[in-house]
N, C-alpha and C. Protein backbone atom coordinates (compact mmCIF):
# COMPACT_ATOMS: atom_id res chain seq x y z
N MET A 1 3.06 7.10 -21.13
CA MET A 1 2.23 6.28 -20.22
C MET A 1 2.76 6.24 -18.83
N ARG A 2 2.08 5.80 -17.85
CA ARG A 2 2.68 5.53 -16.49
C ARG A 2 2.26 4.24 -16.21
N SER A 3 3.17 3.44 -16.00
CA SER A 3 2.93 2.11 -15.32
C SER A 3 2.21 1.88 -13.95
N SER A 4 1.45 0.94 -13.41
CA SER A 4 1.27 0.86 -12.10
C SER A 4 1.27 -0.58 -11.82
N GLY A 5 1.08 -0.86 -10.40
CA GLY A 5 1.02 -2.33 -10.13
C GLY A 5 -0.07 -2.72 -9.36
N HIS A 6 -0.02 -3.49 -8.46
CA HIS A 6 -0.89 -4.32 -7.63
C HIS A 6 -2.10 -3.08 -7.22
N ALA A 7 -3.24 -3.68 -7.21
CA ALA A 7 -4.57 -2.65 -6.50
C ALA A 7 -5.41 -3.71 -5.43
N SER A 8 -6.01 -3.02 -4.51
CA SER A 8 -7.11 -3.91 -3.66
C SER A 8 -8.14 -2.81 -3.49
N ILE A 9 -9.26 -3.61 -3.38
CA ILE A 9 -10.31 -2.79 -2.84
C ILE A 9 -11.02 -3.15 -1.39
N ASN A 10 -11.34 -2.04 -1.03
CA ASN A 10 -11.57 -1.91 0.75
C ASN A 10 -12.71 -2.56 0.94
N ALA A 11 -13.08 -3.16 2.20
CA ALA A 11 -13.84 -4.39 2.15
C ALA A 11 -15.50 -3.71 1.98
N ARG A 12 -15.64 -2.31 2.13
CA ARG A 12 -16.98 -1.57 1.98
C ARG A 12 -17.42 -1.37 0.19
N GLY A 13 -16.30 -1.74 -0.45
CA GLY A 13 -16.20 -1.65 -1.81
C GLY A 13 -16.25 -0.03 -2.27
N THR A 14 -15.97 1.01 -1.60
CA THR A 14 -15.93 2.29 -1.66
C THR A 14 -14.51 2.80 -2.38
N GLN A 15 -13.50 2.42 -1.86
CA GLN A 15 -12.01 2.85 -1.93
C GLN A 15 -11.31 1.88 -2.69
N PHE A 16 -9.97 2.26 -3.46
CA PHE A 16 -9.19 1.50 -3.84
C PHE A 16 -7.75 2.00 -3.60
N ILE A 17 -6.71 1.01 -3.46
CA ILE A 17 -5.35 1.47 -3.22
C ILE A 17 -4.54 0.72 -4.40
N MET A 18 -3.59 1.45 -4.83
CA MET A 18 -2.70 1.00 -5.76
C MET A 18 -1.37 1.61 -5.54
N ASP A 19 -0.51 0.36 -5.89
CA ASP A 19 1.15 0.74 -6.24
C ASP A 19 0.91 1.80 -7.25
N ASN A 20 1.66 2.83 -7.03
CA ASN A 20 1.61 3.81 -8.19
C ASN A 20 3.00 3.93 -9.05
N ALA A 21 3.96 3.30 -8.64
CA ALA A 21 5.03 3.13 -9.46
C ALA A 21 5.72 4.52 -9.47
N ARG A 22 5.47 5.38 -8.76
CA ARG A 22 6.16 6.89 -8.76
C ARG A 22 6.68 6.78 -7.24
N ASN A 23 5.84 6.87 -6.11
CA ASN A 23 6.65 7.37 -4.89
C ASN A 23 5.69 6.23 -3.81
N GLY A 24 5.56 5.34 -4.14
CA GLY A 24 4.57 4.31 -2.94
C GLY A 24 3.16 4.05 -3.46
N PHE A 25 2.13 4.26 -2.64
CA PHE A 25 0.75 3.74 -3.09
C PHE A 25 -0.13 5.27 -3.02
N SER A 26 -1.22 4.91 -3.56
CA SER A 26 -2.32 5.87 -3.61
C SER A 26 -3.75 5.47 -3.61
N LEU A 27 -4.59 6.17 -2.66
CA LEU A 27 -5.84 5.86 -2.39
C LEU A 27 -6.86 6.68 -3.35
N TYR A 28 -7.89 6.13 -3.85
CA TYR A 28 -8.83 6.66 -4.58
C TYR A 28 -10.42 6.27 -4.19
N ARG A 29 -11.14 7.20 -4.54
CA ARG A 29 -12.56 6.53 -4.46
C ARG A 29 -12.80 5.75 -5.88
N LEU A 30 -13.80 4.55 -5.38
CA LEU A 30 -13.96 3.62 -6.68
C LEU A 30 -15.18 4.39 -7.32
N ASP A 31 -15.90 5.24 -6.83
CA ASP A 31 -16.99 5.80 -7.75
C ASP A 31 -16.52 7.33 -8.21
N GLY A 32 -15.75 7.24 -9.35
CA GLY A 32 -15.50 8.44 -9.84
C GLY A 32 -13.53 8.62 -9.90
N GLY A 33 -13.03 7.90 -9.09
CA GLY A 33 -11.52 7.75 -9.15
C GLY A 33 -10.80 8.78 -8.26
N ALA A 34 -11.57 9.86 -7.34
CA ALA A 34 -11.05 10.89 -7.00
C ALA A 34 -9.98 10.31 -6.23
N SER A 35 -8.84 11.42 -6.14
CA SER A 35 -7.69 10.85 -5.27
C SER A 35 -8.04 11.42 -3.79
N ILE A 36 -7.55 10.37 -3.15
CA ILE A 36 -7.72 10.63 -1.28
C ILE A 36 -6.75 10.73 -0.69
N GLN A 37 -5.57 10.26 -0.83
CA GLN A 37 -4.25 9.93 0.15
C GLN A 37 -3.14 9.37 -0.75
N GLU A 38 -1.98 9.77 -0.03
CA GLU A 38 -0.69 9.15 -0.59
C GLU A 38 0.06 8.67 0.41
N TYR A 39 0.70 7.34 0.04
CA TYR A 39 1.38 6.54 1.10
C TYR A 39 2.79 6.80 0.46
N VAL A 40 3.88 7.24 1.20
CA VAL A 40 5.19 7.78 0.41
C VAL A 40 6.03 6.51 0.79
N THR A 41 6.56 5.96 0.12
CA THR A 41 7.57 5.05 0.40
C THR A 41 9.20 5.35 -0.16
N GLY A 42 9.03 6.29 -0.94
CA GLY A 42 10.53 7.00 -1.84
C GLY A 42 10.37 6.88 -2.88
N THR A 43 11.36 7.32 -3.86
CA THR A 43 11.29 7.25 -5.05
C THR A 43 11.88 5.52 -5.59
N PRO A 44 11.44 4.79 -6.20
CA PRO A 44 11.28 3.42 -6.55
C PRO A 44 13.00 3.46 -7.13
N ARG A 45 13.64 2.51 -6.88
CA ARG A 45 15.03 2.15 -7.84
C ARG A 45 14.53 1.35 -8.90
N ARG A 46 13.69 0.42 -8.58
CA ARG A 46 13.13 -0.65 -9.81
C ARG A 46 11.68 -0.47 -9.69
N THR A 47 11.14 -0.43 -10.96
CA THR A 47 9.46 -0.33 -11.02
C THR A 47 9.23 -1.76 -11.20
N TYR A 48 9.30 -2.44 -10.42
CA TYR A 48 8.58 -3.71 -10.23
C TYR A 48 6.95 -3.39 -9.78
N PRO A 49 6.07 -4.09 -9.80
CA PRO A 49 4.71 -3.95 -9.15
C PRO A 49 5.00 -4.60 -7.58
N LYS A 50 4.26 -3.85 -6.66
CA LYS A 50 4.46 -4.35 -5.37
C LYS A 50 2.97 -4.27 -4.84
N GLN A 51 2.54 -5.77 -4.13
CA GLN A 51 1.42 -5.46 -3.28
C GLN A 51 1.05 -4.59 -2.47
N VAL A 52 -0.35 -4.33 -2.37
CA VAL A 52 -0.63 -3.19 -1.04
C VAL A 52 -2.25 -3.84 -0.94
N ASP A 53 -2.42 -3.75 0.22
CA ASP A 53 -3.82 -4.13 0.85
C ASP A 53 -4.27 -3.23 2.00
N PHE A 54 -5.66 -3.38 2.41
CA PHE A 54 -6.01 -2.92 3.56
C PHE A 54 -5.71 -3.96 4.71
N ALA A 55 -5.93 -3.44 6.22
CA ALA A 55 -5.77 -4.55 6.98
C ALA A 55 -6.60 -3.66 8.03
N GLU A 56 -6.84 -4.36 9.14
CA GLU A 56 -7.55 -3.89 10.60
C GLU A 56 -8.89 -3.27 10.09
N GLY A 57 -9.83 -3.79 9.37
CA GLY A 57 -10.90 -3.21 9.10
C GLY A 57 -10.86 -2.17 8.32
N SER A 58 -9.94 -1.78 7.35
CA SER A 58 -9.34 -0.86 6.23
C SER A 58 -8.96 0.25 7.10
N GLN A 59 -8.50 -0.02 8.12
CA GLN A 59 -7.83 1.43 8.88
C GLN A 59 -6.32 1.61 8.68
N VAL A 60 -5.85 0.63 8.03
CA VAL A 60 -4.38 0.58 7.91
C VAL A 60 -4.18 0.16 6.51
N VAL A 61 -3.26 0.54 5.74
CA VAL A 61 -2.44 0.09 4.62
C VAL A 61 -1.16 -0.48 4.48
N VAL A 62 -1.03 -1.73 3.96
CA VAL A 62 0.15 -2.60 4.37
C VAL A 62 1.07 -2.79 2.83
N GLY A 63 2.03 -2.37 2.66
CA GLY A 63 2.84 -2.49 1.02
C GLY A 63 4.04 -2.75 1.40
N GLY A 64 4.73 -3.38 0.22
CA GLY A 64 6.11 -3.40 0.00
C GLY A 64 6.52 -2.40 -0.20
N SER A 65 8.24 -2.70 -0.77
CA SER A 65 8.92 -1.71 -1.29
C SER A 65 9.83 -2.26 -2.16
N ASP A 66 10.79 -1.51 -2.69
CA ASP A 66 11.83 -2.33 -3.64
C ASP A 66 13.26 -2.05 -2.61
N HIS A 67 13.02 -1.49 -1.46
CA HIS A 67 14.30 -1.39 -0.55
C HIS A 67 14.44 -2.15 0.76
N GLY A 68 13.74 -3.27 0.61
CA GLY A 68 13.51 -4.22 1.87
C GLY A 68 12.72 -3.71 3.21
N ILE A 69 11.78 -3.18 2.80
CA ILE A 69 10.85 -2.66 4.04
C ILE A 69 9.38 -2.90 3.62
N VAL A 70 8.79 -3.32 4.58
CA VAL A 70 7.03 -3.46 4.35
C VAL A 70 6.78 -2.30 5.19
N TYR A 71 6.00 -1.54 4.79
CA TYR A 71 5.25 -0.27 5.31
C TYR A 71 3.94 -0.44 6.17
N ILE A 72 3.72 0.06 6.94
CA ILE A 72 2.40 -0.12 7.55
C ILE A 72 1.94 1.36 7.61
N PHE A 73 0.81 2.11 7.07
CA PHE A 73 0.53 3.22 7.06
C PHE A 73 -0.94 3.58 7.73
N ASP A 74 -1.28 4.67 8.28
CA ASP A 74 -2.57 4.95 8.70
C ASP A 74 -3.19 5.49 7.53
N ARG A 75 -4.44 4.57 7.59
CA ARG A 75 -5.47 5.21 6.00
C ARG A 75 -5.39 6.57 5.92
N LYS A 76 -6.23 7.03 7.13
CA LYS A 76 -6.67 8.31 6.97
C LYS A 76 -5.72 9.39 6.93
N THR A 77 -4.59 9.42 7.62
CA THR A 77 -3.47 10.43 7.77
C THR A 77 -2.35 10.39 6.55
N GLY A 78 -2.18 8.91 6.13
CA GLY A 78 -1.09 8.83 5.26
C GLY A 78 0.22 8.14 6.28
N GLY A 79 0.20 8.87 7.74
CA GLY A 79 1.24 8.60 8.55
C GLY A 79 2.25 6.92 8.57
N VAL A 80 3.32 6.88 8.69
CA VAL A 80 3.84 5.65 8.77
C VAL A 80 3.60 5.44 10.04
N LEU A 81 2.80 4.06 10.55
CA LEU A 81 2.79 3.33 11.89
C LEU A 81 3.52 2.48 11.94
N GLN A 82 4.52 1.72 11.27
CA GLN A 82 5.32 0.81 11.58
C GLN A 82 6.21 0.28 10.43
N LYS A 83 7.46 -0.03 10.43
CA LYS A 83 8.17 -0.32 9.42
C LYS A 83 9.10 -1.64 9.52
N LEU A 84 8.53 -2.59 8.69
CA LEU A 84 8.96 -4.20 9.02
C LEU A 84 10.28 -4.40 8.06
N HIS A 85 11.19 -4.13 8.56
CA HIS A 85 12.72 -4.45 7.98
C HIS A 85 12.62 -6.19 7.47
N HIS A 86 12.93 -6.25 6.12
CA HIS A 86 13.02 -7.68 5.55
C HIS A 86 14.27 -7.92 5.13
N GLY A 87 15.02 -6.80 4.69
CA GLY A 87 16.63 -6.99 4.20
C GLY A 87 16.76 -5.75 3.28
N ARG A 88 18.03 -5.62 3.35
CA ARG A 88 19.01 -4.45 2.95
C ARG A 88 18.70 -4.39 1.12
N ASP A 89 18.02 -3.35 1.19
CA ASP A 89 17.85 -3.23 -0.49
C ASP A 89 17.26 -4.38 -1.24
N GLU A 90 16.10 -5.17 -0.62
CA GLU A 90 15.73 -6.26 -1.42
C GLU A 90 14.27 -6.24 -1.51
N LEU A 91 13.98 -6.44 -2.61
CA LEU A 91 12.40 -6.31 -3.02
C LEU A 91 11.51 -6.80 -2.30
N VAL A 92 10.36 -6.33 -1.83
CA VAL A 92 9.62 -6.75 -1.17
C VAL A 92 8.26 -6.54 -2.09
N GLN A 93 8.00 -7.76 -2.93
CA GLN A 93 6.86 -7.36 -4.01
C GLN A 93 5.67 -8.08 -3.49
N THR A 94 5.75 -9.06 -2.69
CA THR A 94 4.22 -9.52 -2.32
C THR A 94 4.59 -9.64 -0.66
N ILE A 95 2.96 -9.30 -0.47
CA ILE A 95 2.72 -9.29 1.20
C ILE A 95 1.38 -9.71 1.25
N ALA A 96 0.87 -9.98 2.38
CA ALA A 96 -0.36 -10.93 2.77
C ALA A 96 -0.81 -10.18 4.18
N VAL A 97 -2.04 -10.04 4.49
CA VAL A 97 -2.71 -9.43 5.52
C VAL A 97 -3.91 -10.61 5.87
N ARG A 98 -3.83 -10.39 6.99
CA ARG A 98 -5.29 -11.46 7.60
C ARG A 98 -5.99 -10.56 8.64
N GLN A 99 -7.35 -10.93 8.41
CA GLN A 99 -8.25 -10.08 9.26
C GLN A 99 -8.32 -11.29 10.45
N LEU A 100 -8.14 -10.85 11.72
CA LEU A 100 -8.51 -11.92 13.03
C LEU A 100 -9.60 -11.51 13.56
N ALA A 101 -10.62 -12.55 13.84
CA ALA A 101 -11.93 -12.59 14.77
C ALA A 101 -11.74 -11.39 16.13
N ALA A 102 -12.57 -10.57 16.37
CA ALA A 102 -12.41 -10.06 17.59
C ALA A 102 -12.50 -10.98 18.70
N PRO A 103 -11.80 -10.69 19.88
CA PRO A 103 -11.96 -11.86 20.76
C PRO A 103 -13.17 -11.95 21.51
């Protein structure tokens, strides 16, 4: 049995992202569960569930890690857009995103 962590559904209700407890996060279609994309943060040192969420109109994916980094990924390509360093080898289990109104 494979354990998994946190999951979030995009605003349109068509996709969900989850902590896959294997190498980062996985994106799936809500209808049928087909795999779409992987967001790699590395092999976990500890398998605690880590939050992951959509941001910026579901164009980016934000998730924690067990090695002190918050990752921001491009949802479509899976590429890392930014790494926010929280601490050395610390668990970043909880994250939060906020959608800002357009100016």
